[in-house]
Amino acid sequence: MRVEDAYAEVVRITRREARNFAWGIAVLPRRKRLAVAALYAFARRVDDIADDPELEAEERRRGLESFRAAVEALPEAPTDDPVLVALADATLCYPVPRSALLDLVAGGLMDVERTRYASWEELREYCRCVAGAVGLACTAVYGPSDPPMASPRAEALGLALQQINIMRDVAEDWRLGRVYLPQDELELFGVSEGDIASGSVGLEWVALMEHQAQRAEGLMREGLGLLPLLDRRSALCVRVFAGIYRGLLVQMRGRDYDVFSRRPQLSAAGKLRAVAAL
């Protein structure tokens, strides 16, 4: 498969599956935009395998292990899979850490193997794998002025966005049999899994979700320290991601964290306002 065709496919995947992400990378120069689209498409494929309801756990595990082997073989692309072809080329062009890609696969395997997290410490490790790793990989493409200083900030921003994802997707995750909210925090705030199943939005739920929101805001403040280390267009890309997710958080808070009756979502105008307000 030609590299150009592979990149065209990962761009299509990004536009189809991740409108918020597509908004952010649209401001990047073409070469960086293609590389980040390849990283997103890889992360999306890992997530799709981990979540595939038509596959048994062992089949999902084997699929993810095959992706682990493909990452270990980079920069070779052992198949004509456009995602792997584009990813291989991106890793030739930019110093994307192999460890970040392997962490993404490890996060997918965690989704196969478990559906609950006892504490924030456990959940943080999951978020580090599935989202902090994306932040590190993308930042390698952005080209920060001080990579060692940029890495923990990029990881923190990824954690913040994943925390907001978890809050937004509580109902969807419940239907998949998963509860990402830490079990000890559910108990602390007096929220049961029955409350999640029934979509109960009482004072206890609001307090629990406000606790999650404050964690996300703290991580985002840390993560936004990445901006001064990036060139103008890369910094704008990160601001778009962060602004949209911050806007989702504001929307959830304004609805008293009722994420059950309708999924939090911003209109195009709402996204522009959220980015401008960051």
C-alpha atoms as a PDB file:
ATOM      1  CA  MET A   1       0.000   0.000   0.000  1.00  0.00           C
ATOM      2  CA  ARG A   2       1.238   3.492  -0.847  1.00  0.00           C
ATOM      3  CA  VAL A   3       1.955   5.728   2.128  1.00  0.00           C
ATOM      4  CA  GLU A   4      -0.171   8.471   0.578  1.00  0.00           C
ATOM      5  CA  ASP A   5      -3.190   6.165   0.452  1.00  0.00           C
ATOM      6  CA  ALA A   6      -2.593   5.066   4.038  1.00  0.00           C
ATOM      7  CA  TYR A   7      -2.535   8.658   5.234  1.00  0.00           C
ATOM      8  CA  ALA A   8      -5.725   9.424   3.307  1.00  0.00           C
ATOM      9  CA  GLU A   9      -7.426   6.577   5.162  1.00  0.00           C
ATOM     10  CA  VAL A  10      -6.285   7.651   8.642  1.00  0.00           C
ATOM     11  CA  VAL A  11      -7.508  11.170   7.917  1.00  0.00           C
ATOM     12  CA  ARG A  12     -10.909   9.729   6.946  1.00  0.00           C
ATOM     13  CA  ILE A  13     -10.968   7.715  10.178  1.00  0.00           C
ATOM     14  CA  THR A  14     -10.172  10.808  12.225  1.00  0.00           C
ATOM     15  CA  ARG A  15     -12.855  12.918  10.562  1.00  0.00           C
ATOM     16  CA  ARG A  16     -15.455  10.169  10.913  1.00  0.00           C
ATOM     17  CA  GLU A  17     -14.713   9.020  14.452  1.00  0.00           C
ATOM     18  CA  ALA A  18     -13.336  12.052  16.283  1.00  0.00           C
ATOM     19  CA  ARG A  19     -14.759  15.409  15.340  1.00  0.00           C
ATOM     20  CA  ASN A  20     -13.245  17.128  18.374  1.00  0.00           C
ATOM     21  CA  PHE A  21      -9.819  15.719  17.543  1.00  0.00           C
ATOM     22  CA  ALA A  22     -10.232  16.641  13.874  1.00  0.00           C
ATOM     23  CA  TRP A  23     -10.960  20.237  14.871  1.00  0.00           C
ATOM     24  CA  GLY A  24      -7.675  20.448  16.726  1.00  0.00           C
ATOM     25  CA  ILE A  25      -5.380  18.929  14.141  1.00  0.00           C
ATOM     26  CA  ALA A  26      -6.900  21.011  11.332  1.00  0.00           C
ATOM     27  CA  VAL A  27      -4.687  23.938  12.395  1.00  0.00           C
ATOM     28  CA  LEU A  28      -1.438  21.946  12.093  1.00  0.00           C
ATOM     29  CA  PRO A  29       0.854  22.014   9.060  1.00  0.00           C
ATOM     30  CA  ARG A  30       0.029  19.201   6.667  1.00  0.00           C
ATOM     31  CA  ARG A  31       2.919  16.891   7.608  1.00  0.00           C
ATOM     32  CA  LYS A  32       2.223  17.129  11.323  1.00  0.00           C
ATOM     33  CA  ARG A  33      -1.521  16.819  10.717  1.00  0.00           C
ATOM     34  CA  LEU A  34      -1.055  13.529   8.871  1.00  0.00           C
ATOM     35  CA  ALA A  35       1.243  12.126  11.565  1.00  0.00           C
ATOM     36  CA  VAL A  36      -1.161  13.003  14.381  1.00  0.00           C
ATOM     37  CA  ALA A  37      -4.045  11.506  12.381  1.00  0.00           C
ATOM     38  CA  ALA A  38      -2.013   8.288  12.133  1.00  0.00           C
ATOM     39  CA  LEU A  39      -1.553   8.283  15.910  1.00  0.00           C
ATOM     40  CA  TYR A  40      -5.273   8.858  16.457  1.00  0.00           C
ATOM     41  CA  ALA A  41      -6.244   6.097  14.019  1.00  0.00           C
ATOM     42  CA  PHE A  42      -3.918   3.677  15.802  1.00  0.00           C
ATOM     43  CA  ALA A  43      -5.436   4.581  19.193  1.00  0.00           C
ATOM     44  CA  ARG A  44      -8.932   4.254  17.707  1.00  0.00           C
ATOM     45  CA  ARG A  45      -8.168   0.808  16.301  1.00  0.00           C
ATOM     46  CA  VAL A  46      -6.835  -0.382  19.650  1.00  0.00           C
ATOM     47  CA  ASP A  47      -9.973   0.923  21.362  1.00  0.00           C
ATOM     48  CA  ASP A  48     -12.261  -0.682  18.781  1.00  0.00           C
ATOM     49  CA  ILE A  49     -10.630  -4.074  19.250  1.00  0.00           C
ATOM     50  CA  ALA A  50     -10.839  -3.801  23.039  1.00  0.00           C
ATOM     51  CA  ASP A  51     -14.546  -2.868  22.869  1.00  0.00           C
ATOM     52  CA  ASP A  52     -15.737  -5.155  20.042  1.00  0.00           C
ATOM     53  CA  PRO A  53     -18.921  -6.793  21.403  1.00  0.00           C
ATOM     54  CA  GLU A  54     -18.861  -9.480  18.715  1.00  0.00           C
ATOM     55  CA  LEU A  55     -15.527 -10.885  19.890  1.00  0.00           C
ATOM     56  CA  GLU A  56     -14.833 -13.033  22.929  1.00  0.00           C
ATOM     57  CA  ALA A  57     -12.276 -11.719  25.410  1.00  0.00           C
ATOM     58  CA  GLU A  58      -9.591 -14.097  24.156  1.00  0.00           C
ATOM     59  CA  GLU A  59     -10.129 -12.965  20.553  1.00  0.00           C
ATOM     60  CA  ARG A  60      -9.830  -9.323  21.593  1.00  0.00           C
ATOM     61  CA  ARG A  61      -6.695 -10.127  23.540  1.00  0.00           C
ATOM     62  CA  ARG A  62      -5.130 -11.830  20.507  1.00  0.00           C
ATOM     63  CA  GLY A  63      -6.021  -8.875  18.301  1.00  0.00           C
ATOM     64  CA  LEU A  64      -4.334  -6.468  20.697  1.00  0.00           C
ATOM     65  CA  GLU A  65      -1.287  -8.705  21.018  1.00  0.00           C
ATOM     66  CA  SER A  66      -0.939  -8.619  17.233  1.00  0.00           C
ATOM     67  CA  PHE A  67      -0.899  -4.829  17.415  1.00  0.00           C
ATOM     68  CA  ARG A  68       1.734  -5.002  20.145  1.00  0.00           C
ATOM     69  CA  ALA A  69       3.888  -7.115  17.823  1.00  0.00           C
ATOM     70  CA  ALA A  70       3.358  -4.598  15.017  1.00  0.00           C
ATOM     71  CA  VAL A  71       4.524  -1.752  17.279  1.00  0.00           C
ATOM     72  CA  GLU A  72       7.597  -3.716  18.317  1.00  0.00           C
ATOM     73  CA  ALA A  73       8.430  -4.220  14.613  1.00  0.00           C
ATOM     74  CA  LEU A  74       8.249  -0.507  13.748  1.00  0.00           C
ATOM     75  CA  PRO A  75       9.320   1.192  11.553  1.00  0.00           C
ATOM     76  CA  GLU A  76       8.534  -1.858   9.458  1.00  0.00           C
ATOM     77  CA  ALA A  77       4.874  -2.146   8.459  1.00  0.00           C
ATOM     78  CA  PRO A  78       4.298  -5.902   8.258  1.00  0.00           C
ATOM     79  CA  THR A  79       0.883  -5.689   6.591  1.00  0.00           C
ATOM     80  CA  ASP A  80      -1.084  -3.559   4.177  1.00  0.00           C
ATOM     81  CA  ASP A  81      -3.193  -2.239   7.043  1.00  0.00           C
ATOM     82  CA  PRO A  82      -3.355   1.510   6.274  1.00  0.00           C
ATOM     83  CA  VAL A  83      -3.271   2.396   9.972  1.00  0.00           C
ATOM     84  CA  LEU A  84      -0.002   0.542  10.491  1.00  0.00           C
ATOM     85  CA  VAL A  85       1.498   1.819   7.229  1.00  0.00           C
ATOM     86  CA  ALA A  86       0.754   5.435   8.194  1.00  0.00           C
ATOM     87  CA  LEU A  87       1.955   4.858  11.753  1.00  0.00           C
ATOM     88  CA  ALA A  88       5.225   3.351  10.524  1.00  0.00           C
ATOM     89  CA  ASP A  89       5.888   6.371   8.323  1.00  0.00           C
ATOM     90  CA  ALA A  90       5.000   8.805  11.117  1.00  0.00           C
ATOM     91  CA  THR A  91       7.507   7.124  13.442  1.00  0.00           C
ATOM     92  CA  LEU A  92      10.184   7.518  10.766  1.00  0.00           C
ATOM     93  CA  CYS A  93       9.460  11.237  10.478  1.00  0.00           C
ATOM     94  CA  TYR A  94       9.041  12.084  14.180  1.00  0.00           C
ATOM     95  CA  PRO A  95      10.562  10.757  17.433  1.00  0.00           C
ATOM     96  CA  VAL A  96       7.340   9.143  18.661  1.00  0.00           C
ATOM     97  CA  PRO A  97       8.299   7.045  21.698  1.00  0.00           C
ATOM     98  CA  ARG A  98       7.645   3.364  21.106  1.00  0.00           C
ATOM     99  CA  SER A  99       6.829   3.075  24.819  1.00  0.00           C
ATOM    100  CA  ALA A 100       3.810   5.380  24.349  1.00  0.00           C
ATOM    101  CA  LEU A 101       2.416   3.172  21.578  1.00  0.00           C
ATOM    102  CA  LEU A 102       2.955   0.061  23.678  1.00  0.00           C
ATOM    103  CA  ASP A 103       1.196   1.769  26.582  1.00  0.00           C
ATOM    104  CA  LEU A 104      -1.821   2.327  24.339  1.00  0.00           C
ATOM    105  CA  VAL A 105      -1.993  -1.405  23.663  1.00  0.00           C
ATOM    106  CA  ALA A 106      -1.577  -2.082  27.391  1.00  0.00           C
ATOM    107  CA  GLY A 107      -4.559   0.192  28.043  1.00  0.00           C
ATOM    108  CA  GLY A 108      -6.626  -1.765  25.540  1.00  0.00           C
ATOM    109  CA  LEU A 109      -5.705  -4.977  27.317  1.00  0.00           C
ATOM    110  CA  MET A 110      -6.822  -3.440  30.616  1.00  0.00           C
ATOM    111  CA  ASP A 111     -10.239  -2.857  29.032  1.00  0.00           C
ATOM    112  CA  VAL A 112     -10.385  -6.527  28.069  1.00  0.00           C
ATOM    113  CA  GLU A 113      -9.369  -7.720  31.517  1.00  0.00           C
ATOM    114  CA  ARG A 114     -11.225  -5.456  33.944  1.00  0.00           C
ATOM    115  CA  THR A 115     -14.368  -3.358  34.288  1.00  0.00           C
ATOM    116  CA  ARG A 116     -13.850  -1.660  37.675  1.00  0.00           C
ATOM    117  CA  TYR A 117     -11.116   0.412  39.355  1.00  0.00           C
ATOM    118  CA  ALA A 118     -10.769   0.452  43.110  1.00  0.00           C
ATOM    119  CA  SER A 119      -9.189   3.890  43.436  1.00  0.00           C
ATOM    120  CA  TRP A 120      -7.938   6.913  41.546  1.00  0.00           C
ATOM    121  CA  GLU A 121      -4.428   5.452  41.737  1.00  0.00           C
ATOM    122  CA  GLU A 122      -5.608   2.428  39.739  1.00  0.00           C
ATOM    123  CA  LEU A 123      -7.678   4.515  37.352  1.00  0.00           C
ATOM    124  CA  ARG A 124      -4.817   6.959  36.843  1.00  0.00           C
ATOM    125  CA  GLU A 125      -2.632   4.162  35.499  1.00  0.00           C
ATOM    126  CA  TYR A 126      -5.367   3.203  33.041  1.00  0.00           C
ATOM    127  CA  CYS A 127      -5.759   6.843  31.964  1.00  0.00           C
ATOM    128  CA  ARG A 128      -1.995   7.176  31.614  1.00  0.00           C
ATOM    129  CA  CYS A 129      -1.973   4.255  29.185  1.00  0.00           C
ATOM    130  CA  VAL A 130      -4.969   5.181  27.048  1.00  0.00           C
ATOM    131  CA  ALA A 131      -4.644   8.979  27.063  1.00  0.00           C
ATOM    132  CA  GLY A 132      -1.431  10.165  28.679  1.00  0.00           C
ATOM    133  CA  ALA A 133       0.402   8.073  26.107  1.00  0.00           C
ATOM    134  CA  VAL A 134      -1.473   9.843  23.308  1.00  0.00           C
ATOM    135  CA  GLY A 135      -0.357  13.172  24.730  1.00  0.00           C
ATOM    136  CA  LEU A 136       3.268  12.036  24.756  1.00  0.00           C
ATOM    137  CA  ALA A 137       3.075  10.631  21.227  1.00  0.00           C
ATOM    138  CA  CYS A 138       1.440  13.739  19.775  1.00  0.00           C
ATOM    139  CA  THR A 139       3.873  16.049  21.547  1.00  0.00           C
ATOM    140  CA  ALA A 140       6.751  14.252  19.858  1.00  0.00           C
ATOM    141  CA  VAL A 141       5.163  15.356  16.565  1.00  0.00           C
ATOM    142  CA  TYR A 142       4.600  18.926  17.749  1.00  0.00           C
ATOM    143  CA  GLY A 143       8.312  19.297  18.498  1.00  0.00           C
ATOM    144  CA  PRO A 144       8.498  21.093  21.878  1.00  0.00           C
ATOM    145  CA  SER A 145      11.438  23.367  22.680  1.00  0.00           C
ATOM    146  CA  ASP A 146      12.198  21.408  25.871  1.00  0.00           C
ATOM    147  CA  PRO A 147      11.106  17.755  25.488  1.00  0.00           C
ATOM    148  CA  PRO A 148      11.932  16.637  29.056  1.00  0.00           C
ATOM    149  CA  MET A 149       9.862  19.495  30.482  1.00  0.00           C
ATOM    150  CA  ALA A 150       7.075  18.917  27.965  1.00  0.00           C
ATOM    151  CA  SER A 151       6.555  15.199  28.658  1.00  0.00           C
ATOM    152  CA  PRO A 152       4.905  15.353  32.122  1.00  0.00           C
ATOM    153  CA  ARG A 153       2.730  18.267  30.998  1.00  0.00           C
ATOM    154  CA  ALA A 154       1.602  16.428  27.881  1.00  0.00           C
ATOM    155  CA  GLU A 155       0.781  13.383  29.992  1.00  0.00           C
ATOM    156  CA  ALA A 156      -1.181  15.490  32.494  1.00  0.00           C
ATOM    157  CA  LEU A 157      -3.240  17.015  29.689  1.00  0.00           C
ATOM    158  CA  GLY A 158      -4.030  13.556  28.349  1.00  0.00           C
ATOM    159  CA  LEU A 159      -5.145  12.493  31.833  1.00  0.00           C
ATOM    160  CA  ALA A 160      -7.400  15.567  32.087  1.00  0.00           C
ATOM    161  CA  LEU A 161      -9.110  14.865  28.770  1.00  0.00           C
ATOM    162  CA  GLN A 162      -9.619  11.213  29.664  1.00  0.00           C
ATOM    163  CA  GLN A 163     -11.098  12.160  33.038  1.00  0.00           C
ATOM    164  CA  ILE A 164     -13.617  14.361  31.213  1.00  0.00           C
ATOM    165  CA  ASN A 165     -14.303  11.522  28.769  1.00  0.00           C
ATOM    166  CA  ILE A 166     -15.051   9.203  31.678  1.00  0.00           C
ATOM    167  CA  MET A 167     -17.486  11.720  33.163  1.00  0.00           C
ATOM    168  CA  ARG A 168     -19.236  12.294  29.828  1.00  0.00           C
ATOM    169  CA  ASP A 169     -19.500   8.599  28.966  1.00  0.00           C
ATOM    170  CA  VAL A 170     -20.783   7.165  32.275  1.00  0.00           C
ATOM    171  CA  ALA A 171     -24.053   5.962  30.731  1.00  0.00           C
ATOM    172  CA  GLU A 172     -22.433   4.522  27.604  1.00  0.00           C
ATOM    173  CA  ASP A 173     -19.787   2.728  29.660  1.00  0.00           C
ATOM    174  CA  TRP A 174     -22.474   1.303  31.956  1.00  0.00           C
ATOM    175  CA  ARG A 175     -24.147  -0.273  28.929  1.00  0.00           C
ATOM    176  CA  LEU A 176     -20.799  -1.911  28.131  1.00  0.00           C
ATOM    177  CA  GLY A 177     -20.649  -3.282  31.668  1.00  0.00           C
ATOM    178  CA  ARG A 178     -17.971  -0.843  32.823  1.00  0.00           C
ATOM    179  CA  VAL A 179     -17.729   1.654  35.657  1.00  0.00           C
ATOM    180  CA  TYR A 180     -14.605   3.767  35.483  1.00  0.00           C
ATOM    181  CA  LEU A 181     -15.460   6.045  38.408  1.00  0.00           C
ATOM    182  CA  PRO A 182     -13.283   4.813  41.307  1.00  0.00           C
ATOM    183  CA  GLN A 183     -15.099   2.415  43.602  1.00  0.00           C
ATOM    184  CA  ASP A 184     -13.793   4.039  46.784  1.00  0.00           C
ATOM    185  CA  GLU A 185     -15.094   7.424  45.632  1.00  0.00           C
ATOM    186  CA  LEU A 186     -18.513   6.001  44.789  1.00  0.00           C
ATOM    187  CA  GLU A 187     -18.653   4.717  48.359  1.00  0.00           C
ATOM    188  CA  LEU A 188     -17.302   7.945  49.839  1.00  0.00           C
ATOM    189  CA  PHE A 189     -20.019  10.049  48.191  1.00  0.00           C
ATOM    190  CA  GLY A 190     -22.803   7.525  48.746  1.00  0.00           C
ATOM    191  CA  VAL A 191     -23.428   6.656  45.101  1.00  0.00           C
ATOM    192  CA  SER A 192     -24.251   3.055  44.195  1.00  0.00           C
ATOM    193  CA  GLU A 193     -24.013   1.303  40.861  1.00  0.00           C
ATOM    194  CA  GLY A 194     -27.784   1.043  41.055  1.00  0.00           C
ATOM    195  CA  ASP A 195     -27.898   4.840  40.967  1.00  0.00           C
ATOM    196  CA  ILE A 196     -25.842   4.763  37.779  1.00  0.00           C
ATOM    197  CA  ALA A 197     -28.096   2.106  36.269  1.00  0.00           C
ATOM    198  CA  SER A 198     -31.202   4.207  36.992  1.00  0.00           C
ATOM    199  CA  GLY A 199     -29.605   7.506  35.956  1.00  0.00           C
ATOM    200  CA  SER A 200     -30.216   9.037  39.364  1.00  0.00           C
ATOM    201  CA  VAL A 201     -28.946  12.613  39.615  1.00  0.00           C
ATOM    202  CA  GLY A 202     -29.193  13.448  43.300  1.00  0.00           C
ATOM    203  CA  LEU A 203     -27.036  15.555  45.578  1.00  0.00           C
ATOM    204  CA  GLU A 204     -24.660  12.644  46.117  1.00  0.00           C
ATOM    205  CA  TRP A 205     -24.129  12.235  42.378  1.00  0.00           C
ATOM    206  CA  VAL A 206     -23.491  15.943  41.899  1.00  0.00           C
ATOM    207  CA  ALA A 207     -20.920  15.931  44.710  1.00  0.00           C
ATOM    208  CA  LEU A 208     -19.176  12.867  43.265  1.00  0.00           C
ATOM    209  CA  MET A 209     -18.994  14.368  39.789  1.00  0.00           C
ATOM    210  CA  GLU A 210     -17.849  17.748  41.084  1.00  0.00           C
ATOM    211  CA  HIS A 211     -14.975  15.892  42.731  1.00  0.00           C
ATOM    212  CA  GLN A 212     -14.124  14.353  39.346  1.00  0.00           C
ATOM    213  CA  ALA A 213     -14.399  17.770  37.692  1.00  0.00           C
ATOM    214  CA  GLN A 214     -11.989  19.385  40.128  1.00  0.00           C
ATOM    215  CA  ARG A 215      -9.483  16.621  39.463  1.00  0.00           C
ATOM    216  CA  ALA A 216      -9.820  17.184  35.730  1.00  0.00           C
ATOM    217  CA  GLU A 217      -9.365  20.943  36.142  1.00  0.00           C
ATOM    218  CA  GLY A 218      -6.212  20.477  38.204  1.00  0.00           C
ATOM    219  CA  LEU A 219      -4.729  18.140  35.618  1.00  0.00           C
ATOM    220  CA  MET A 220      -5.675  20.519  32.817  1.00  0.00           C
ATOM    221  CA  ARG A 221      -3.968  23.462  34.527  1.00  0.00           C
ATOM    222  CA  GLU A 222      -0.828  21.369  34.760  1.00  0.00           C
ATOM    223  CA  GLY A 223      -1.160  20.199  31.177  1.00  0.00           C
ATOM    224  CA  LEU A 224      -1.623  23.679  29.735  1.00  0.00           C
ATOM    225  CA  GLY A 225       1.917  24.415  30.883  1.00  0.00           C
ATOM    226  CA  LEU A 226       2.804  22.642  27.631  1.00  0.00           C
ATOM    227  CA  LEU A 227       1.672  25.597  25.516  1.00  0.00           C
ATOM    228  CA  PRO A 228       4.727  27.892  25.985  1.00  0.00           C
ATOM    229  CA  LEU A 229       6.974  25.044  24.808  1.00  0.00           C
ATOM    230  CA  LEU A 230       5.239  24.699  21.424  1.00  0.00           C
ATOM    231  CA  ASP A 231       5.292  26.638  18.181  1.00  0.00           C
ATOM    232  CA  ARG A 232       2.246  28.785  17.439  1.00  0.00           C
ATOM    233  CA  ARG A 233       0.270  26.283  15.360  1.00  0.00           C
ATOM    234  CA  SER A 234       0.989  23.308  17.606  1.00  0.00           C
ATOM    235  CA  ALA A 235       0.005  25.372  20.636  1.00  0.00           C
ATOM    236  CA  LEU A 236      -3.232  26.339  18.905  1.00  0.00           C
ATOM    237  CA  CYS A 237      -3.949  22.661  18.226  1.00  0.00           C
ATOM    238  CA  VAL A 238      -3.549  21.860  21.926  1.00  0.00           C
ATOM    239  CA  ARG A 239      -5.683  24.876  22.898  1.00  0.00           C
ATOM    240  CA  VAL A 240      -8.480  23.597  20.654  1.00  0.00           C
ATOM    241  CA  PHE A 241      -8.410  20.136  22.279  1.00  0.00           C
ATOM    242  CA  ALA A 242      -8.303  21.583  25.782  1.00  0.00           C
ATOM    243  CA  GLY A 243     -10.893  24.272  25.091  1.00  0.00           C
ATOM    244  CA  ILE A 244     -13.455  21.857  23.677  1.00  0.00           C
ATOM    245  CA  TYR A 245     -13.066  19.447  26.576  1.00  0.00           C
ATOM    246  CA  ARG A 246     -13.182  22.301  29.067  1.00  0.00           C
ATOM    247  CA  GLY A 247     -16.406  23.374  27.358  1.00  0.00           C
ATOM    248  CA  LEU A 248     -17.835  19.884  27.840  1.00  0.00           C
ATOM    249  CA  LEU A 249     -16.968  20.083  31.520  1.00  0.00           C
ATOM    250  CA  VAL A 250     -18.669  23.473  31.837  1.00  0.00           C
ATOM    251  CA  GLN A 251     -21.741  22.065  30.084  1.00  0.00           C
ATOM    252  CA  MET A 252     -21.901  19.045  32.409  1.00  0.00           C
ATOM    253  CA  ARG A 253     -21.562  21.266  35.463  1.00  0.00           C
ATOM    254  CA  GLY A 254     -24.337  23.518  34.168  1.00  0.00           C
ATOM    255  CA  ARG A 255     -26.626  20.493  33.865  1.00  0.00           C
ATOM    256  CA  ASP A 256     -25.832  19.299  37.408  1.00  0.00           C
ATOM    257  CA  TYR A 257     -23.892  16.444  35.821  1.00  0.00           C
ATOM    258  CA  ASP A 258     -26.945  14.836  34.262  1.00  0.00           C
ATOM    259  CA  VAL A 259     -25.050  12.775  31.704  1.00  0.00           C
ATOM    260  CA  PHE A 260     -27.876  10.242  31.453  1.00  0.00           C
ATOM    261  CA  SER A 261     -30.763  12.046  29.762  1.00  0.00           C
ATOM    262  CA  ARG A 262     -28.561  13.257  26.901  1.00  0.00           C
ATOM    263  CA  ARG A 263     -24.886  12.918  26.095  1.00  0.00           C
ATOM    264  CA  PRO A 264     -22.867  16.110  26.599  1.00  0.00           C
ATOM    265  CA  GLN A 265     -21.992  17.573  23.224  1.00  0.00           C
ATOM    266  CA  LEU A 266     -21.010  21.007  21.897  1.00  0.00           C
ATOM    267  CA  SER A 267     -22.281  22.576  18.706  1.00  0.00           C
ATOM    268  CA  ALA A 268     -19.770  24.092  16.272  1.00  0.00           C
ATOM    269  CA  ALA A 269     -20.505  27.520  17.725  1.00  0.00           C
ATOM    270  CA  GLY A 270     -20.184  26.132  21.227  1.00  0.00           C
ATOM    271  CA  LYS A 271     -16.761  24.708  20.396  1.00  0.00           C
ATOM    272  CA  LEU A 272     -15.572  28.071  19.100  1.00  0.00           C
ATOM    273  CA  ARG A 273     -16.809  29.793  22.265  1.00  0.00           C
ATOM    274  CA  ALA A 274     -15.174  27.171  24.464  1.00  0.00           C
ATOM    275  CA  VAL A 275     -11.804  27.533  22.760  1.00  0.00           C
ATOM    276  CA  ALA A 276     -11.996  31.323  22.945  1.00  0.00           C
ATOM    277  CA  ALA A 277     -12.819  31.147  26.651  1.00  0.00           C
ATOM    278  CA  LEU A 278      -9.841  28.958  27.596  1.00  0.00           C
END
